[in-house]
């Protein structure tokens, strides 16, 4: 099992966009993304704060994306 690497919100946003998600809206410092082709996938919210995302939040995002840790680290 690979370790979950702590990354910044900007890096997470780039990786999520590689999976086919697009920005729908931004409220304050939170960006909302939806999948471009598959409307059945969950919408993702990423807080754009000036620090790394927490492990719990990253795990929640990965569950919503239906992506494993290994796949996410390779992006």
N, C-alpha and C. Protein backbone atom coordinates (compact mmCIF):
# COMPACT_ATOMS: atom_id res chain seq x y z
N UNK A 1 0.84 -1.18 0.00
CA UNK A 1 0.00 0.00 0.00
C UNK A 1 0.88 1.24 0.00
N UNK A 2 0.64 2.13 -0.94
CA UNK A 2 1.40 3.37 -1.01
C UNK A 2 0.92 4.35 0.05
N UNK A 3 1.83 5.22 0.43
CA UNK A 3 1.51 6.24 1.40
C UNK A 3 0.84 7.42 0.70
N UNK A 4 -0.07 8.04 1.40
CA UNK A 4 -0.72 9.23 0.87
C UNK A 4 0.22 10.41 1.05
N UNK A 5 0.60 11.02 -0.05
CA UNK A 5 1.53 12.14 -0.03
C UNK A 5 0.76 13.43 0.20
N UNK A 6 1.21 14.23 1.17
CA UNK A 6 0.58 15.53 1.39
C UNK A 6 0.94 16.47 0.26
N UNK A 7 -0.06 17.11 -0.31
CA UNK A 7 0.16 18.03 -1.41
C UNK A 7 -0.62 19.32 -1.16
N UNK A 8 -0.26 20.34 -1.89
CA UNK A 8 -0.96 21.62 -1.77
C UNK A 8 -2.28 21.54 -2.55
N UNK A 9 -3.11 22.51 -2.32
CA UNK A 9 -4.40 22.56 -3.00
C UNK A 9 -4.21 22.78 -4.51
N UNK A 10 -3.20 23.55 -4.90
CA UNK A 10 -2.94 23.78 -6.32
C UNK A 10 -2.56 22.48 -7.03
N UNK A 11 -1.72 21.67 -6.39
CA UNK A 11 -1.32 20.39 -6.97
C UNK A 11 -2.52 19.46 -7.07
N UNK A 12 -3.36 19.43 -6.04
CA UNK A 12 -4.55 18.58 -6.05
C UNK A 12 -5.50 19.02 -7.17
N UNK A 13 -5.65 20.31 -7.36
CA UNK A 13 -6.51 20.84 -8.42
C UNK A 13 -6.02 20.39 -9.79
N UNK A 14 -4.71 20.44 -10.02
CA UNK A 14 -4.15 20.00 -11.30
C UNK A 14 -4.42 18.51 -11.54
N UNK A 15 -4.25 17.69 -10.49
CA UNK A 15 -4.46 16.26 -10.63
C UNK A 15 -5.92 15.93 -10.88
N UNK A 16 -6.82 16.63 -10.21
CA UNK A 16 -8.24 16.38 -10.39
C UNK A 16 -8.67 16.79 -11.80
N UNK A 17 -8.11 17.87 -12.31
CA UNK A 17 -8.43 18.30 -13.68
C UNK A 17 -7.94 17.28 -14.71
N UNK A 18 -6.83 16.59 -14.43
CA UNK A 18 -6.34 15.55 -15.34
C UNK A 18 -7.32 14.38 -15.44
N UNK A 19 -8.15 14.21 -14.41
CA UNK A 19 -9.13 13.13 -14.40
C UNK A 19 -10.42 13.50 -15.14
N UNK A 20 -10.47 14.70 -15.71
CA UNK A 20 -11.62 15.10 -16.50
C UNK A 20 -12.59 16.02 -15.79
N UNK A 21 -12.21 16.57 -14.66
CA UNK A 21 -13.08 17.49 -13.92
C UNK A 21 -12.81 18.92 -14.38
N UNK A 22 -13.86 19.75 -14.35
CA UNK A 22 -13.73 21.16 -14.71
C UNK A 22 -14.28 22.01 -13.58
N UNK A 23 -13.78 23.23 -13.50
CA UNK A 23 -14.26 24.17 -12.47
C UNK A 23 -15.65 24.64 -12.85
N UNK A 24 -16.56 24.55 -11.88
CA UNK A 24 -17.93 24.99 -12.11
C UNK A 24 -18.14 26.37 -11.48
N UNK A 25 -17.65 26.53 -10.26
CA UNK A 25 -17.79 27.81 -9.58
C UNK A 25 -16.78 27.91 -8.45
N UNK A 26 -16.64 29.12 -7.93
CA UNK A 26 -15.79 29.36 -6.78
C UNK A 26 -16.51 30.29 -5.83
N UNK A 27 -16.58 29.89 -4.58
CA UNK A 27 -17.18 30.72 -3.53
C UNK A 27 -16.09 30.93 -2.49
N UNK A 28 -15.61 32.15 -2.40
CA UNK A 28 -14.51 32.44 -1.47
C UNK A 28 -13.27 31.71 -1.91
N UNK A 29 -12.73 30.86 -1.03
CA UNK A 29 -11.50 30.15 -1.36
C UNK A 29 -11.76 28.68 -1.70
N UNK A 30 -13.02 28.31 -1.93
CA UNK A 30 -13.37 26.93 -2.24
C UNK A 30 -13.79 26.80 -3.71
N UNK A 31 -13.14 25.88 -4.42
CA UNK A 31 -13.43 25.66 -5.83
C UNK A 31 -14.25 24.38 -5.96
N UNK A 32 -15.33 24.45 -6.70
CA UNK A 32 -16.23 23.32 -6.94
C UNK A 32 -15.97 22.80 -8.34
N UNK A 33 -15.78 21.48 -8.46
CA UNK A 33 -15.48 20.85 -9.75
C UNK A 33 -16.48 19.74 -10.02
N UNK A 34 -16.84 19.58 -11.31
CA UNK A 34 -17.69 18.48 -11.75
C UNK A 34 -17.01 17.78 -12.91
N UNK A 35 -17.36 16.52 -13.11
CA UNK A 35 -16.76 15.75 -14.18
C UNK A 35 -17.31 16.23 -15.52
N UNK A 36 -16.44 16.33 -16.52
CA UNK A 36 -16.80 16.88 -17.82
C UNK A 36 -17.76 15.97 -18.58
N UNK A 37 -17.49 14.66 -18.60
CA UNK A 37 -18.28 13.75 -19.42
C UNK A 37 -19.30 12.94 -18.62
N UNK A 38 -18.89 12.41 -17.47
CA UNK A 38 -19.74 11.52 -16.69
C UNK A 38 -20.48 12.32 -15.62
N UNK A 39 -21.74 12.61 -15.86
CA UNK A 39 -22.53 13.43 -14.93
C UNK A 39 -22.92 12.66 -13.67
N UNK A 40 -22.73 11.33 -13.65
CA UNK A 40 -23.06 10.54 -12.47
C UNK A 40 -21.99 10.60 -11.39
N UNK A 41 -20.80 11.11 -11.71
CA UNK A 41 -19.73 11.22 -10.72
C UNK A 41 -20.04 12.38 -9.77
N UNK A 42 -19.54 12.24 -8.55
CA UNK A 42 -19.76 13.26 -7.53
C UNK A 42 -19.00 14.54 -7.84
N UNK A 43 -19.55 15.65 -7.40
CA UNK A 43 -18.86 16.93 -7.49
C UNK A 43 -17.82 16.99 -6.38
N UNK A 44 -16.71 17.66 -6.64
CA UNK A 44 -15.59 17.75 -5.70
C UNK A 44 -15.40 19.22 -5.30
N UNK A 45 -15.13 19.45 -4.03
CA UNK A 45 -14.80 20.79 -3.55
C UNK A 45 -13.39 20.76 -2.98
N UNK A 46 -12.56 21.70 -3.45
CA UNK A 46 -11.18 21.80 -2.97
C UNK A 46 -10.98 23.17 -2.35
N UNK A 47 -10.59 23.23 -1.07
CA UNK A 47 -10.31 24.53 -0.44
C UNK A 47 -8.93 25.03 -0.87
N UNK A 48 -8.87 26.22 -1.40
CA UNK A 48 -7.62 26.80 -1.90
C UNK A 48 -6.98 27.67 -0.82
N UNK A 49 -6.52 27.04 0.25
CA UNK A 49 -5.85 27.74 1.33
C UNK A 49 -4.34 27.67 1.09
N UNK A 50 -3.58 28.42 1.85
CA UNK A 50 -2.13 28.50 1.65
C UNK A 50 -1.37 27.45 2.44
N UNK A 51 -1.91 26.24 2.52
CA UNK A 51 -1.22 25.16 3.21
C UNK A 51 -1.59 23.84 2.55
N UNK A 52 -0.89 22.78 2.95
CA UNK A 52 -1.18 21.46 2.40
C UNK A 52 -2.56 20.99 2.86
N UNK A 53 -3.18 20.18 2.02
CA UNK A 53 -4.46 19.58 2.39
C UNK A 53 -4.21 18.48 3.42
N UNK A 54 -5.10 18.32 4.34
CA UNK A 54 -4.95 17.30 5.37
C UNK A 54 -5.18 15.90 4.80
N UNK A 55 -4.65 14.91 5.49
CA UNK A 55 -4.79 13.52 5.03
C UNK A 55 -6.25 13.08 4.96
N UNK A 56 -7.04 13.47 5.95
CA UNK A 56 -8.45 13.10 5.96
C UNK A 56 -9.20 13.69 4.79
N UNK A 57 -8.93 14.95 4.48
CA UNK A 57 -9.59 15.60 3.35
C UNK A 57 -9.16 14.96 2.03
N UNK A 58 -7.86 14.65 1.89
CA UNK A 58 -7.39 13.98 0.68
C UNK A 58 -8.04 12.62 0.51
N UNK A 59 -8.16 11.87 1.59
CA UNK A 59 -8.82 10.56 1.51
C UNK A 59 -10.28 10.70 1.09
N UNK A 60 -10.97 11.72 1.59
CA UNK A 60 -12.36 11.98 1.21
C UNK A 60 -12.46 12.32 -0.26
N UNK A 61 -11.55 13.15 -0.74
CA UNK A 61 -11.54 13.52 -2.16
C UNK A 61 -11.29 12.29 -3.02
N UNK A 62 -10.35 11.44 -2.62
CA UNK A 62 -10.06 10.22 -3.38
C UNK A 62 -11.25 9.27 -3.40
N UNK A 63 -11.96 9.16 -2.29
CA UNK A 63 -13.16 8.32 -2.26
C UNK A 63 -14.22 8.86 -3.22
N UNK A 64 -14.41 10.17 -3.22
CA UNK A 64 -15.39 10.79 -4.11
C UNK A 64 -14.98 10.65 -5.58
N UNK A 65 -13.67 10.69 -5.84
CA UNK A 65 -13.18 10.52 -7.21
C UNK A 65 -13.19 9.07 -7.65
N UNK A 66 -13.28 8.15 -6.70
CA UNK A 66 -13.20 6.71 -6.95
C UNK A 66 -11.84 6.36 -7.57
N UNK A 67 -10.78 6.88 -6.94
CA UNK A 67 -9.41 6.69 -7.40
C UNK A 67 -8.59 6.16 -6.22
N UNK A 68 -7.66 5.25 -6.50
CA UNK A 68 -6.80 4.74 -5.43
C UNK A 68 -5.65 5.72 -5.16
N UNK A 69 -5.00 5.50 -4.03
CA UNK A 69 -3.86 6.35 -3.66
C UNK A 69 -2.76 6.25 -4.69
N UNK A 70 -2.50 5.02 -5.17
CA UNK A 70 -1.44 4.81 -6.16
C UNK A 70 -1.73 5.56 -7.45
N UNK A 71 -2.98 5.47 -7.92
CA UNK A 71 -3.36 6.18 -9.15
C UNK A 71 -3.23 7.68 -8.99
N UNK A 72 -3.63 8.20 -7.83
CA UNK A 72 -3.58 9.64 -7.60
C UNK A 72 -2.13 10.13 -7.52
N UNK A 73 -1.26 9.35 -6.89
CA UNK A 73 0.14 9.75 -6.77
C UNK A 73 0.84 9.74 -8.12
N UNK A 74 0.39 8.87 -9.04
CA UNK A 74 1.02 8.79 -10.36
C UNK A 74 0.65 9.94 -11.29
N UNK A 75 -0.48 10.63 -11.02
CA UNK A 75 -0.93 11.71 -11.91
C UNK A 75 0.05 12.86 -11.94
